[in-house]
């Protein structure tokens, strides 16, 4: 059975036979991180009465979980040949993950991926030795990195965890996808309806390209004397432009791109899929080069997860199909806080042309 068929089957089971956009969301869960702009520290000790929420501009009756909720964590590690130099660093973070992220009540499972999805430990575990052994068994594989498929696989596993657990995906990978059979839009919806937060630990593509073992160059079949220099001012090819400017783009508000992914029928080009996943689910992007950087990332991730609030509510405007903008504010002077949460969610109307939403 091909992975493409399995992904299609999962999409049908998750979103209904009429297509992925006939779902009707009935309860929204928002992870909310509150940071004091003056001190750049997480704000703890807030109560439910300190929060207010607008859904498409309409006030909502919300419930706020202010106590710590145990975590179910999937650590998805890109393990193709381009990231091989980084794997020894990744193998060393098991103890920190256990102590700072998972904690005594949490659980974790390790997934490695190239073109294959391979679980490195049987079931979720709270045993640090099992987690370390799972990370230590990760070795580099093929040249493919099916990141979107890995997110599908992780969400499929996390949705089986108890609803009393907070479902978190920690993605350690480059910011590009190479070889997935699933689509970003369906993966976003899968994360949304299963209340999964995606955090990414980005591996720098420039560093991986420089560290990659290069094959011996093939002999040039064109003599050097037959090559004429390119005259000044000649048009540059796409390859030279990419080499000079890279493939990055300016960071900014990705909400319009997320909306377009849900609304458009055709696929939308996404230059940085990781940013879309993290911003849409209320997560965050990190990056690292050295072992010290990676250790600091794990520390920051644990601190954020243990400082988050969870807002639950049943929207009172579900008759409004499509994209819902969500705005969360805190306290009498909300400008003093930086708030990170989901920008919104997509839903279909409960009734569409006389038929129930799926």
Protein backbone atom coordinates (compact mmCIF):
# COMPACT_ATOMS: atom_id res chain seq x y z
CA UNK A 1 0.00 0.00 0.00
CA UNK A 2 1.61 3.28 -1.09
CA UNK A 3 2.09 6.24 1.25
CA UNK A 4 0.09 8.38 -1.19
CA UNK A 5 -2.94 6.10 -0.79
CA UNK A 6 -2.60 6.12 3.01
CA UNK A 7 -2.46 9.94 3.06
CA UNK A 8 -5.55 10.16 0.89
CA UNK A 9 -7.38 7.71 3.15
CA UNK A 10 -6.41 9.71 6.24
CA UNK A 11 -7.73 12.87 4.60
CA UNK A 12 -11.07 11.19 3.87
CA UNK A 13 -11.36 9.89 7.43
CA UNK A 14 -10.41 13.24 8.92
CA UNK A 15 -12.38 15.57 6.71
CA UNK A 16 -15.26 13.52 5.25
CA UNK A 17 -15.93 12.09 1.85
CA UNK A 18 -17.11 15.40 0.45
CA UNK A 19 -13.62 16.92 0.72
CA UNK A 20 -11.51 18.55 3.42
CA UNK A 21 -13.52 21.78 3.56
CA UNK A 22 -16.83 20.33 4.74
CA UNK A 23 -15.75 20.08 8.38
CA UNK A 24 -17.60 22.03 11.05
CA UNK A 25 -15.43 23.09 13.99
CA UNK A 26 -17.33 22.97 17.30
CA UNK A 27 -14.61 23.71 19.87
CA UNK A 28 -11.47 25.78 19.55
CA UNK A 29 -8.36 25.31 21.69
CA UNK A 30 -5.81 28.12 21.61
CA UNK A 31 -2.35 27.91 23.19
CA UNK A 32 -1.57 31.44 24.38
CA UNK A 33 1.90 32.71 25.27
CA UNK A 34 2.05 36.07 27.06
CA UNK A 35 5.32 38.04 27.21
CA UNK A 36 5.93 41.33 29.00
CA UNK A 37 7.36 43.71 26.40
CA UNK A 38 9.38 45.64 28.96
CA UNK A 39 11.16 42.72 30.58
CA UNK A 40 10.87 40.19 27.70
CA UNK A 41 9.79 37.61 30.27
CA UNK A 42 6.86 35.21 30.26
CA UNK A 43 3.89 36.44 32.27
CA UNK A 44 2.66 33.87 34.79
CA UNK A 45 -0.13 34.05 37.31
CA UNK A 46 -2.84 35.43 35.03
CA UNK A 47 -6.44 34.39 35.68
CA UNK A 48 -9.32 33.63 33.33
CA UNK A 49 -10.84 37.06 33.94
CA UNK A 50 -7.70 38.72 32.56
CA UNK A 51 -8.32 37.36 29.05
CA UNK A 52 -10.78 38.43 26.37
CA UNK A 53 -11.24 37.03 22.87
CA UNK A 54 -12.82 38.17 19.62
CA UNK A 55 -13.75 35.68 16.91
CA UNK A 56 -14.36 37.55 13.64
CA UNK A 57 -14.89 40.62 15.83
CA UNK A 58 -17.49 38.94 18.05
CA UNK A 59 -16.81 38.48 21.81
CA UNK A 60 -16.72 34.87 22.99
CA UNK A 61 -17.39 33.09 26.25
CA UNK A 62 -14.05 31.47 27.00
CA UNK A 63 -12.54 29.07 29.50
CA UNK A 64 -8.87 29.49 30.42
CA UNK A 65 -6.73 26.66 31.73
CA UNK A 66 -4.17 28.29 34.06
CA UNK A 67 -2.72 25.08 35.53
CA UNK A 68 -0.09 22.99 33.79
CA UNK A 69 -1.40 20.41 31.31
CA UNK A 70 0.81 17.33 30.66
CA UNK A 71 2.41 17.08 27.22
CA UNK A 72 2.31 14.41 24.55
CA UNK A 73 5.31 15.20 22.36
CA UNK A 74 6.43 13.88 18.99
CA UNK A 75 10.03 14.70 18.07
CA UNK A 76 10.23 14.48 14.28
CA UNK A 77 13.82 14.54 13.03
CA UNK A 78 14.86 14.97 9.41
CA UNK A 79 17.40 12.22 8.80
CA UNK A 80 18.47 12.43 5.17
CA UNK A 81 22.03 12.79 3.91
CA UNK A 82 22.04 16.61 3.89
CA UNK A 83 21.65 16.91 7.68
CA UNK A 84 24.08 14.12 8.63
CA UNK A 85 26.59 16.56 10.24
CA UNK A 86 23.86 17.75 12.65
CA UNK A 87 22.66 14.36 13.85
CA UNK A 88 25.35 13.91 16.57
CA UNK A 89 24.13 17.16 18.17
CA UNK A 90 20.47 16.11 18.01
CA UNK A 91 21.27 12.76 19.65
CA UNK A 92 22.48 14.56 22.79
CA UNK A 93 19.28 16.40 23.74
CA UNK A 94 17.30 13.47 25.18
CA UNK A 95 18.02 14.24 28.84
CA UNK A 96 17.17 17.92 28.41
CA UNK A 97 13.91 17.08 26.64
CA UNK A 98 12.97 14.74 29.46
CA UNK A 99 13.72 17.26 32.22
CA UNK A 100 12.68 20.58 30.66
CA UNK A 101 9.96 19.76 28.14
CA UNK A 102 8.26 16.44 28.91
CA UNK A 103 8.46 16.54 32.71
CA UNK A 104 7.25 13.85 35.09
CA UNK A 105 3.71 13.65 33.70
CA UNK A 106 4.46 13.96 29.98
CA UNK A 107 5.36 11.48 27.27
CA UNK A 108 7.28 11.46 23.98
CA UNK A 109 7.89 9.46 20.85
CA UNK A 110 10.64 9.89 18.22
CA UNK A 111 10.03 9.87 14.47
CA UNK A 112 12.79 10.03 11.88
CA UNK A 113 12.08 10.77 8.24
CA UNK A 114 13.67 11.02 4.82
CA UNK A 115 11.38 9.51 2.18
CA UNK A 116 10.34 6.98 4.84
CA UNK A 117 8.59 7.48 8.18
CA UNK A 118 10.25 5.38 10.89
CA UNK A 119 9.24 5.42 14.57
CA UNK A 120 12.31 4.95 16.72
CA UNK A 121 10.55 3.77 19.89
CA UNK A 122 7.46 1.65 20.44
CA UNK A 123 4.69 3.87 21.75
CA UNK A 124 5.00 6.98 23.87
CA UNK A 125 7.36 6.89 26.82
CA UNK A 126 8.27 8.83 29.92
CA UNK A 127 11.51 6.85 30.33
CA UNK A 128 14.56 9.00 29.63
CA UNK A 129 16.69 5.95 28.77
CA UNK A 130 14.23 4.84 26.11
CA UNK A 131 14.09 8.37 24.67
CA UNK A 132 17.88 8.64 24.54
CA UNK A 133 18.18 5.25 22.88
CA UNK A 134 15.59 6.23 20.27
CA UNK A 135 17.47 9.41 19.39
CA UNK A 136 20.79 7.57 19.32
CA UNK A 137 19.51 5.12 16.70
CA UNK A 138 18.83 7.90 14.17
CA UNK A 139 21.12 7.62 11.15
CA UNK A 140 21.16 9.49 7.85
CA UNK A 141 19.26 7.99 4.94
CA UNK A 142 18.34 9.07 1.42
CA UNK A 143 18.44 12.51 -0.20
CA UNK A 144 14.69 13.09 0.26
CA UNK A 145 13.04 14.93 3.17
CA UNK A 146 9.26 14.48 3.10
CA UNK A 147 8.50 17.04 5.80
CA UNK A 148 4.78 17.49 5.11
CA UNK A 149 4.29 13.72 5.14
CA UNK A 150 6.14 13.60 8.48
CA UNK A 151 3.73 16.18 9.91
CA UNK A 152 0.83 14.05 8.67
CA UNK A 153 2.33 10.98 10.35
CA UNK A 154 2.94 12.85 13.61
CA UNK A 155 -0.59 14.29 13.74
CA UNK A 156 -2.02 10.84 13.04
CA UNK A 157 -0.17 9.52 16.09
CA UNK A 158 -0.87 12.51 18.34
CA UNK A 159 -4.61 12.54 17.71
CA UNK A 160 -4.77 9.16 19.48
CA UNK A 161 -3.47 10.66 22.72
CA UNK A 162 -5.93 11.58 25.49
CA UNK A 163 -7.66 14.95 25.10
CA UNK A 164 -6.44 15.77 28.61
CA UNK A 165 -2.88 15.92 27.21
CA UNK A 166 -1.44 18.88 25.30
CA UNK A 167 -0.37 17.65 21.86
CA UNK A 168 2.93 19.08 20.64
CA UNK A 169 5.07 18.39 17.59
CA UNK A 170 8.75 19.35 17.72
CA UNK A 171 10.08 19.37 14.16
CA UNK A 172 13.88 19.35 13.75
CA UNK A 173 14.44 19.89 10.06
CA UNK A 174 15.25 22.23 7.22
CA UNK A 175 12.54 24.70 6.30
CA UNK A 176 11.82 23.13 2.91
CA UNK A 177 9.93 20.06 1.85
CA UNK A 178 11.48 17.66 -0.63
CA UNK A 179 9.39 14.75 -1.80
CA UNK A 180 6.12 14.75 0.17
CA UNK A 181 3.04 13.20 -1.36
CA UNK A 182 0.63 15.01 0.97
CA UNK A 183 -0.33 18.67 0.66
CA UNK A 184 0.29 21.50 3.12
CA UNK A 185 -3.37 22.52 3.27
CA UNK A 186 -4.56 19.10 4.45
CA UNK A 187 -1.70 18.86 6.95
CA UNK A 188 -2.67 22.26 8.38
CA UNK A 189 -6.26 21.14 8.80
CA UNK A 190 -5.15 17.91 10.44
CA UNK A 191 -3.11 19.89 12.98
CA UNK A 192 -6.05 22.28 13.52
CA UNK A 193 -8.80 19.76 14.20
CA UNK A 194 -6.54 17.69 16.47
CA UNK A 195 -5.34 20.75 18.47
CA UNK A 196 -1.65 20.15 17.79
CA UNK A 197 0.98 22.84 18.35
CA UNK A 198 3.95 22.75 15.98
CA UNK A 199 7.37 24.03 17.06
CA UNK A 200 10.28 23.93 14.66
CA UNK A 201 14.01 23.78 15.27
CA UNK A 202 15.37 24.85 11.91
CA UNK A 203 18.53 23.43 10.39
CA UNK A 204 20.20 26.06 8.23
CA UNK A 205 20.12 25.06 4.56
CA UNK A 206 23.24 27.04 3.72
CA UNK A 207 25.23 25.17 6.37
CA UNK A 208 23.92 21.79 5.24
CA UNK A 209 24.83 22.55 1.64
CA UNK A 210 28.36 23.50 2.67
CA UNK A 211 28.75 20.49 4.97
CA UNK A 212 27.31 17.98 2.52
CA UNK A 213 29.74 15.49 1.05
CA UNK A 214 30.00 16.38 -2.60
CA UNK A 215 30.37 13.81 -5.35
CA UNK A 216 33.37 14.06 -7.64
CA UNK A 217 32.56 16.39 -10.56
CA UNK A 218 31.97 14.89 -13.94
CA UNK A 219 34.45 15.72 -16.73
CA UNK A 220 33.44 18.77 -18.74
CA UNK A 221 32.62 17.70 -22.30
CA UNK A 222 32.98 21.29 -23.56
CA UNK A 223 36.57 22.54 -23.96
CA UNK A 224 37.44 25.64 -21.99
CA UNK A 225 38.37 27.46 -25.18
CA UNK A 226 34.85 26.93 -26.51
CA UNK A 227 33.27 28.87 -23.65
CA UNK A 228 32.73 32.54 -24.28
CA UNK A 229 32.50 34.93 -21.33
CA UNK A 230 29.04 36.29 -20.53
CA UNK A 231 28.91 39.93 -21.62
CA UNK A 232 28.22 42.57 -19.02
CA UNK A 233 24.55 43.31 -18.47
CA UNK A 234 23.41 39.97 -19.87
CA UNK A 235 20.19 38.57 -18.37
CA UNK A 236 20.77 36.39 -15.35
CA UNK A 237 19.35 32.91 -15.25
CA UNK A 238 17.05 31.75 -12.43
CA UNK A 239 19.91 29.68 -11.10
CA UNK A 240 22.26 32.65 -10.77
CA UNK A 241 19.57 34.76 -9.17
CA UNK A 242 18.88 32.02 -6.63
CA UNK A 243 22.59 31.66 -5.95
CA UNK A 244 22.99 35.39 -5.35
CA UNK A 245 19.80 36.09 -3.43
CA UNK A 246 18.95 32.75 -1.84
CA UNK A 247 15.45 31.42 -1.35
CA UNK A 248 14.51 33.31 1.75
CA UNK A 249 11.88 36.00 2.01
CA UNK A 250 11.14 38.78 4.41
CA UNK A 251 9.52 37.67 7.63
CA UNK A 252 6.13 39.17 8.29
CA UNK A 253 2.48 38.38 8.78
CA UNK A 254 1.82 35.01 7.15
CA UNK A 255 -1.90 35.04 7.98
CA UNK A 256 -2.91 36.11 4.43
CA UNK A 257 -0.93 33.17 3.05
CA UNK A 258 -2.62 30.78 5.49
CA UNK A 259 -6.05 32.10 4.47
CA UNK A 260 -5.16 31.67 0.81
CA UNK A 261 -4.10 28.07 1.39
CA UNK A 262 -7.54 27.24 2.78
CA UNK A 263 -9.59 29.24 0.28
CA UNK A 264 -7.83 28.46 -2.98
CA UNK A 265 -8.71 25.25 -4.80
CA UNK A 266 -5.32 24.98 -6.45
CA UNK A 267 -2.09 24.57 -4.56
CA UNK A 268 -0.40 27.75 -3.36
CA UNK A 269 3.39 28.09 -3.45
CA UNK A 270 4.75 28.34 0.10
CA UNK A 271 8.39 29.47 0.29
CA UNK A 272 8.71 28.52 3.98
CA UNK A 273 6.22 25.77 4.95
CA UNK A 274 7.62 25.59 8.48
CA UNK A 275 6.62 29.16 9.26
CA UNK A 276 3.08 28.47 8.08
CA UNK A 277 2.76 25.42 10.34
CA UNK A 278 4.19 27.10 13.43
CA UNK A 279 2.24 30.35 13.07
CA UNK A 280 -1.05 28.64 12.24
CA UNK A 281 -0.89 26.33 15.27
CA UNK A 282 0.38 28.90 17.78
CA UNK A 283 3.93 27.52 17.87
CA UNK A 284 7.27 29.15 17.16
CA UNK A 285 10.41 28.79 15.07
CA UNK A 286 13.88 28.33 16.52
CA UNK A 287 17.22 27.69 14.83
CA UNK A 288 20.62 26.37 15.79
CA UNK A 289 24.15 25.84 14.55
CA UNK A 290 26.14 24.63 17.55
CA UNK A 291 25.40 22.22 20.39
CA UNK A 292 25.10 25.16 22.75
CA UNK A 293 22.50 26.76 20.46
CA UNK A 294 20.46 23.56 20.41
CA UNK A 295 20.62 23.20 24.21
CA UNK A 296 19.35 26.80 24.55
CA UNK A 297 16.51 26.06 22.14
CA UNK A 298 15.36 23.10 24.24
CA UNK A 299 15.51 25.29 27.36
CA UNK A 300 13.43 28.04 25.70
CA UNK A 301 10.92 25.55 24.35
CA UNK A 302 10.41 24.01 27.78
CA UNK A 303 10.06 27.42 29.40
CA UNK A 304 7.43 28.51 26.86
CA UNK A 305 5.37 25.33 27.05
CA UNK A 306 5.34 25.46 30.85
CA UNK A 307 4.27 29.14 30.77
CA UNK A 308 1.41 28.82 28.28
CA UNK A 309 -2.28 29.28 28.92
CA UNK A 310 -4.92 27.25 27.07
CA UNK A 311 -8.13 28.96 25.98
CA UNK A 312 -11.13 26.80 25.11
CA UNK A 313 -14.38 28.06 23.62
CA UNK A 314 -17.28 27.05 21.42
CA UNK A 315 -17.70 29.78 18.79
CA UNK A 316 -21.10 31.47 18.82
CA UNK A 317 -20.78 32.41 15.15
CA UNK A 318 -20.25 29.07 13.41
CA UNK A 319 -22.82 30.10 10.83
CA UNK A 320 -19.98 32.15 9.32
CA UNK A 321 -18.21 29.63 7.11
CA UNK A 322 -14.61 30.09 6.03
CA UNK A 323 -11.71 31.72 7.79
CA UNK A 324 -12.19 33.10 11.32
CA UNK A 325 -9.80 35.75 12.63
CA UNK A 326 -9.02 35.34 16.33
CA UNK A 327 -7.79 38.19 18.53
CA UNK A 328 -6.75 37.60 22.15
CA UNK A 329 -6.09 40.47 24.54
CA UNK A 330 -4.88 40.51 28.14
CA UNK A 331 -5.53 42.98 30.94
CA UNK A 332 -6.59 46.60 30.95
CA UNK A 333 -3.46 47.68 29.07
CA UNK A 334 -2.96 45.00 26.38
CA UNK A 335 -0.22 47.02 24.63
CA UNK A 336 2.24 46.11 27.37
CA UNK A 337 2.05 42.44 26.38
CA UNK A 338 3.19 40.48 23.36
CA UNK A 339 0.73 37.66 22.73
CA UNK A 340 1.44 34.62 20.57
CA UNK A 341 -1.40 32.33 19.58
CA UNK A 342 -3.17 30.98 16.51
CA UNK A 343 -4.18 33.76 14.09
CA UNK A 344 -7.43 31.94 13.40
CA UNK A 345 -8.97 28.78 12.03
CA UNK A 346 -10.96 27.50 9.09
CA UNK A 347 -14.41 25.99 9.34
CA UNK A 348 -17.34 25.10 7.10
CA UNK A 349 -20.94 26.04 7.86
CA UNK A 350 -22.92 23.44 9.77
CA UNK A 351 -25.41 23.32 6.94
CA UNK A 352 -24.46 23.70 3.30
CA UNK A 353 -27.22 23.43 0.67
CA UNK A 354 -29.35 21.42 3.05
CA UNK A 355 -26.65 18.91 4.02
CA UNK A 356 -24.85 18.52 7.31
CA UNK A 357 -21.18 19.49 7.49
CA UNK A 358 -18.72 16.66 7.75
